[in-house]
Amino acid sequence: MSAIAKRIRWSRFVDRRCGRGIIVPIDHGLSIGPVEGLDSPAQVARWIGHPGITGIVAHKGMVERLGDQNLLRGVGIMVHLNGMMSLASSPDRKERLTSVEAALRLGADAVSVQLNFDGTNDAHNLTQLGAVVDEAQRYGLPVLTMLYDKVPCDKQEDCVKRLRHLMRACVELGTDALKLAAPSELAMMPVLLEGIREHTSVFFAGGAMRSEDEILLLAREVVATGATGLCVGRNIFQRPSAHATLTRLQELVLGNVHTPQASTPSWPVSSQNVHVQWSQPVEEVVK
């Protein structure tokens, strides 16, 4: 399969004018169970049609159900290939649950895997990613790796150094894109992206629920540092008004909101007048 197939499919996840994207993962149900905002297709239907969303990540069962209700039109579809329930004895060991071929039959434009490195499962994670990339290459599908380092570090610099090593390992194995948790100090984002953003798409996650101001601050930093975009779930679909949040993120990340309200936004759009502290949330339920 020619590399052009991957490029065409990946183009469905980013805005054609700016090259950035807002991907919404909705794969939470397998790992943490029922969650507000995803409990039913009716809840998903309230926000999934927003034009600021460029892509969706979901397990195969949800792709089929949402597709049956015509809720996935106009966005890139990414099928998540692995996972583990938070009820399991080793929830950070994500097992392969479906194939690239099955994802393709569902209409996927890309596939994703989540790798949680806890200090005991390095070989398992790298072997799984290598196999997924080889399989996806045969079909011309891009691969997104959701990369999380669960090994605690005493210093932020040590955490960044470890994460950069893990990022490089994923690149070496052929991943096309990375999803990362933002560092506790957002000023470290350019260090994370150095030598990576030129050839690999990088999206930053929202993680556990934060204030909307914090998510908007993250969006501004994503654009300022040259990352590809956001891969944010709970901080969108668990908002009282997911549409309002998505519209703000669309203007900040994609810059293509064409509404009268957008010309005079009520939220700060310049980092010079933002006074929001990016906080590291209390350890969340394993996803």
Protein backbone atom coordinates (compact mmCIF):
# COMPACT_ATOMS: atom_id res chain seq x y z
CA MET A 1 0.00 0.00 0.00
CA SER A 2 1.40 3.38 -1.02
CA ALA A 3 2.20 5.97 1.65
CA ILE A 4 -0.24 8.28 -0.13
CA ALA A 5 -3.08 6.20 1.32
CA LYS A 6 -1.96 7.09 4.84
CA ARG A 7 -1.63 10.76 3.96
CA ILE A 8 -5.13 10.89 2.48
CA ARG A 9 -6.67 9.16 5.48
CA TRP A 10 -4.75 11.27 7.98
CA SER A 11 -5.97 14.45 6.25
CA ARG A 12 -9.44 13.66 7.59
CA PHE A 13 -8.24 14.31 11.15
CA VAL A 14 -6.87 17.81 10.60
CA ASP A 15 -8.27 21.05 9.26
CA ARG A 16 -7.06 21.56 5.70
CA ARG A 17 -6.37 25.27 6.23
CA CYS A 18 -4.23 25.19 9.37
CA GLY A 19 -3.14 21.53 9.56
CA ARG A 20 -4.27 21.21 13.18
CA GLY A 21 -7.05 19.09 14.65
CA ILE A 22 -9.34 18.48 17.59
CA ILE A 23 -9.82 14.75 18.14
CA VAL A 24 -12.34 13.57 20.73
CA PRO A 25 -11.65 10.14 22.27
CA ILE A 26 -14.76 8.30 23.46
CA ASP A 27 -13.10 4.98 24.33
CA HIS A 28 -13.56 5.48 28.09
CA GLY A 29 -16.38 2.97 28.61
CA LEU A 30 -14.20 -0.11 28.32
CA SER A 31 -11.65 1.10 30.85
CA ILE A 32 -13.70 3.05 33.42
CA GLY A 33 -17.27 1.95 32.70
CA PRO A 34 -20.33 4.16 32.20
CA VAL A 35 -19.42 7.83 32.12
CA GLU A 36 -21.62 10.90 31.88
CA GLY A 37 -21.69 12.26 28.34
CA LEU A 38 -21.20 8.82 26.77
CA ASP A 39 -23.90 6.81 28.52
CA SER A 40 -26.02 6.53 25.38
CA PRO A 41 -25.94 7.47 21.70
CA ALA A 42 -28.49 10.16 22.57
CA GLN A 43 -25.97 11.84 24.89
CA VAL A 44 -23.25 11.61 22.25
CA ALA A 45 -25.60 13.05 19.63
CA ARG A 46 -25.84 16.31 21.61
CA TRP A 47 -22.26 17.31 20.80
CA ILE A 48 -20.66 15.01 18.21
CA GLY A 49 -21.89 17.01 15.23
CA HIS A 50 -19.97 20.15 16.18
CA PRO A 51 -17.86 21.40 13.22
CA GLY A 52 -14.81 21.90 15.46
CA ILE A 53 -14.37 18.13 15.84
CA THR A 54 -12.01 16.73 13.22
CA GLY A 55 -11.85 13.14 14.50
CA ILE A 56 -13.27 10.57 16.91
CA VAL A 57 -11.50 7.67 18.68
CA ALA A 58 -13.72 4.77 19.75
CA HIS A 59 -13.75 1.03 20.27
CA LYS A 60 -15.27 -1.05 17.50
CA GLY A 61 -18.63 -1.60 19.22
CA MET A 62 -19.27 2.12 19.62
CA VAL A 63 -18.15 2.87 16.06
CA GLU A 64 -20.74 0.40 14.81
CA ARG A 65 -23.53 1.74 17.01
CA LEU A 66 -22.85 5.41 16.36
CA GLY A 67 -22.39 4.72 12.66
CA ASP A 68 -25.77 2.99 12.54
CA GLN A 69 -27.31 6.24 13.79
CA ASN A 70 -25.44 8.40 11.25
CA LEU A 71 -23.49 10.18 14.00
CA LEU A 72 -20.02 9.75 12.47
CA ARG A 73 -20.46 11.61 9.20
CA GLY A 74 -17.89 14.25 8.35
CA VAL A 75 -15.20 13.30 10.89
CA GLY A 76 -12.13 11.09 10.81
CA ILE A 77 -12.87 7.72 12.41
CA MET A 78 -10.17 6.06 14.49
CA VAL A 79 -10.75 2.59 15.93
CA HIS A 80 -8.95 1.87 19.19
CA LEU A 81 -7.30 -1.55 19.09
CA ASN A 82 -6.34 -2.33 22.70
CA GLY A 83 -7.44 -1.70 26.26
CA MET A 84 -8.04 -3.04 29.75
CA MET A 85 -10.68 -2.46 32.41
CA SER A 86 -9.79 -0.48 35.53
CA LEU A 87 -11.23 -3.47 37.43
CA ALA A 88 -8.33 -5.66 36.30
CA SER A 89 -5.36 -6.55 38.50
CA SER A 90 -2.99 -4.89 35.98
CA PRO A 91 -5.01 -2.11 34.34
CA ASP A 92 -1.93 -0.51 32.79
CA ARG A 93 -1.23 -3.63 30.73
CA LYS A 94 -3.34 -2.88 27.66
CA GLU A 95 -4.11 -6.02 25.66
CA ARG A 96 -4.84 -6.20 21.94
CA LEU A 97 -8.60 -6.57 21.47
CA THR A 98 -9.19 -6.32 17.73
CA SER A 99 -7.37 -6.16 14.42
CA VAL A 100 -6.54 -3.50 11.88
CA GLU A 101 -8.53 -5.44 9.30
CA ALA A 102 -11.62 -5.37 11.52
CA ALA A 103 -11.18 -1.61 11.96
CA LEU A 104 -10.93 -1.17 8.19
CA ARG A 105 -14.15 -3.12 7.67
CA LEU A 106 -15.87 -0.65 10.00
CA GLY A 107 -14.73 2.26 7.87
CA ALA A 108 -11.80 3.40 9.98
CA ASP A 109 -9.49 6.10 8.65
CA ALA A 110 -6.85 5.29 11.29
CA VAL A 111 -6.21 3.09 14.32
CA SER A 112 -4.88 3.81 17.79
CA VAL A 113 -3.30 1.99 20.71
CA GLN A 114 -2.69 3.09 24.28
CA LEU A 115 0.62 2.31 25.95
CA ASN A 116 0.90 2.90 29.70
CA PHE A 117 4.49 2.33 30.79
CA ASP A 118 4.51 1.29 34.46
CA GLY A 119 8.10 0.01 34.67
CA THR A 120 7.14 -3.66 34.28
CA ASN A 121 5.53 -3.84 30.83
CA ASP A 122 8.04 -2.22 28.47
CA ALA A 123 8.56 -5.31 26.30
CA HIS A 124 4.82 -5.99 26.09
CA ASN A 125 4.11 -2.42 24.98
CA LEU A 126 6.86 -2.18 22.39
CA THR A 127 6.08 -5.58 20.89
CA GLN A 128 2.40 -4.68 20.60
CA LEU A 129 3.09 -1.33 18.94
CA GLY A 130 5.54 -2.86 16.48
CA ALA A 131 2.98 -5.48 15.43
CA VAL A 132 0.20 -2.89 15.06
CA VAL A 133 2.37 -0.62 12.88
CA ASP A 134 3.35 -3.53 10.62
CA GLU A 135 -0.29 -4.58 10.24
CA ALA A 136 -1.53 -1.03 9.62
CA GLN A 137 1.19 -0.43 7.04
CA ARG A 138 -0.16 -3.25 4.91
CA TYR A 139 -3.54 -1.51 4.71
CA GLY A 140 -2.34 2.08 4.49
CA LEU A 141 -3.81 3.17 7.84
CA PRO A 142 -2.11 5.72 10.11
CA VAL A 143 -1.39 4.76 13.74
CA LEU A 144 -1.88 7.03 16.75
CA THR A 145 -0.09 5.99 19.97
CA MET A 146 -1.59 7.24 23.23
CA LEU A 147 1.55 7.35 25.35
CA TYR A 148 1.50 7.61 29.14
CA ASP A 149 4.45 7.22 31.51
CA LYS A 150 3.23 5.92 34.87
CA VAL A 151 6.68 5.74 36.49
CA PRO A 152 6.98 8.51 39.11
CA CYS A 153 9.85 11.00 38.93
CA ASP A 154 11.19 13.34 41.58
CA LYS A 155 11.88 16.18 39.13
CA GLN A 156 9.94 17.47 36.15
CA GLU A 157 13.14 17.40 34.07
CA ASP A 158 13.49 13.67 34.75
CA CYS A 159 9.88 13.06 33.73
CA VAL A 160 10.42 14.92 30.47
CA LYS A 161 13.62 13.01 29.76
CA ARG A 162 11.89 9.66 30.31
CA LEU A 163 8.92 10.67 28.18
CA ARG A 164 11.14 11.86 25.35
CA HIS A 165 12.83 8.44 25.36
CA LEU A 166 9.44 6.71 25.17
CA MET A 167 8.33 9.06 22.41
CA ARG A 168 11.46 8.28 20.43
CA ALA A 169 10.90 4.54 20.89
CA CYS A 170 7.39 4.87 19.44
CA VAL A 171 8.74 6.89 16.50
CA GLU A 172 11.44 4.28 15.91
CA LEU A 173 8.72 1.63 15.69
CA GLY A 174 6.80 3.63 13.10
CA THR A 175 3.90 5.37 14.83
CA ASP A 176 2.48 8.23 12.78
CA ALA A 177 1.13 10.31 15.66
CA LEU A 178 1.38 10.62 19.42
CA LYS A 179 -1.09 11.61 22.10
CA LEU A 180 0.58 12.87 25.28
CA ALA A 181 -0.47 14.17 28.67
CA ALA A 182 0.60 17.78 28.99
CA PRO A 183 3.51 18.28 31.42
CA SER A 184 2.68 19.80 34.79
CA GLU A 185 4.75 22.80 33.68
CA LEU A 186 3.44 23.85 30.28
CA ALA A 187 6.69 25.69 29.65
CA MET A 188 8.25 22.23 29.08
CA MET A 189 6.06 21.53 26.02
CA PRO A 190 8.62 22.87 23.50
CA VAL A 191 11.25 20.57 25.03
CA LEU A 192 8.95 17.58 24.57
CA LEU A 193 8.31 18.50 20.94
CA GLU A 194 11.89 19.25 19.96
CA GLY A 195 13.02 16.98 17.14
CA ILE A 196 9.59 15.29 17.00
CA ARG A 197 7.06 17.77 15.64
CA GLU A 198 8.89 18.05 12.31
CA HIS A 199 7.97 14.49 11.33
CA THR A 200 5.35 13.19 13.81
CA SER A 201 1.94 14.63 14.67
CA VAL A 202 1.60 15.33 18.40
CA PHE A 203 -1.70 15.86 20.20
CA PHE A 204 -2.07 16.81 23.85
CA ALA A 205 -4.66 15.26 26.14
CA GLY A 206 -6.94 17.01 28.60
CA GLY A 207 -7.02 14.15 31.10
CA ALA A 208 -9.31 14.39 34.13
CA MET A 209 -11.82 17.22 34.37
CA ARG A 210 -10.26 20.67 34.67
CA SER A 211 -11.62 24.18 34.54
CA GLU A 212 -12.49 25.46 31.10
CA ASP A 213 -9.90 28.22 31.49
CA GLU A 214 -7.20 25.56 31.93
CA ILE A 215 -8.28 23.74 28.77
CA LEU A 216 -8.28 26.99 26.82
CA LEU A 217 -4.80 27.74 28.16
CA LEU A 218 -3.67 24.31 26.95
CA ALA A 219 -5.15 25.03 23.52
CA ARG A 220 -3.20 28.28 23.25
CA GLU A 221 0.03 26.53 24.23
CA VAL A 222 -0.60 23.79 21.67
CA VAL A 223 -0.80 26.36 18.90
CA ALA A 224 2.12 28.43 20.21
CA THR A 225 4.47 25.44 20.42
CA GLY A 226 3.61 23.97 17.03
CA ALA A 227 1.83 20.83 18.21
CA THR A 228 -0.78 19.29 15.92
CA GLY A 229 -3.75 19.74 18.21
CA LEU A 230 -5.82 18.43 21.08
CA CYS A 231 -7.09 14.93 21.84
CA VAL A 232 -9.59 15.79 24.57
CA GLY A 233 -12.57 13.75 25.78
CA ARG A 234 -13.96 14.33 29.27
CA ASN A 235 -13.13 18.03 29.18
CA ILE A 236 -15.52 18.28 26.24
CA PHE A 237 -18.34 15.78 26.61
CA GLN A 238 -18.72 16.23 30.38
CA ARG A 239 -19.13 20.02 30.13
CA PRO A 240 -22.58 21.48 30.86
CA SER A 241 -22.32 23.01 27.37
CA ALA A 242 -20.00 20.89 25.25
CA HIS A 243 -20.93 22.97 22.20
CA ALA A 244 -19.77 26.21 23.80
CA THR A 245 -16.45 24.67 24.83
CA LEU A 246 -15.94 23.19 21.37
CA THR A 247 -16.62 26.53 19.72
CA ARG A 248 -13.96 28.21 21.86
CA LEU A 249 -11.47 25.44 21.15
CA GLN A 250 -12.28 25.58 17.46
CA GLU A 251 -11.42 29.27 17.30
CA LEU A 252 -8.19 28.84 19.28
CA VAL A 253 -6.90 25.66 17.62
CA LEU A 254 -8.38 25.78 14.13
CA GLY A 255 -9.05 29.49 13.80
CA ASN A 256 -12.03 29.00 11.52
CA VAL A 257 -15.14 29.97 13.44
CA HIS A 258 -17.37 32.13 11.24
CA THR A 259 -20.05 33.43 13.58
CA PRO A 260 -20.83 36.99 14.70
CA GLN A 261 -19.92 36.11 18.27
CA ALA A 262 -16.48 34.92 17.23
CA SER A 263 -15.35 38.41 16.24
CA THR A 264 -15.57 39.63 19.84
CA PRO A 265 -14.89 36.60 22.02
CA SER A 266 -15.63 36.82 25.73
CA TRP A 267 -12.67 34.60 26.66
CA PRO A 268 -9.00 35.67 26.57
CA VAL A 269 -7.26 34.83 23.30
CA SER A 270 -3.81 36.23 24.01
CA SER A 271 -1.41 34.50 26.36
CA GLN A 272 -0.35 37.93 27.57
CA ASN A 273 -3.63 38.50 29.38
CA VAL A 274 -4.20 34.98 30.66
CA HIS A 275 -3.76 34.35 34.37
CA VAL A 276 -4.57 30.66 34.61
CA GLN A 277 -2.46 28.13 36.45
CA TRP A 278 -2.15 24.75 34.75
CA SER A 279 -2.64 22.29 37.59
CA GLN A 280 -1.71 18.66 37.85
CA PRO A 281 -4.95 16.92 38.87
CA VAL A 282 -5.20 14.33 41.58
CA GLU A 283 -4.33 10.90 40.16
CA GLU A 284 -7.30 9.88 38.07
CA VAL A 285 -8.91 6.53 37.44
CA VAL A 286 -6.76 4.54 35.05
CA LYS A 287 -7.90 4.92 31.47
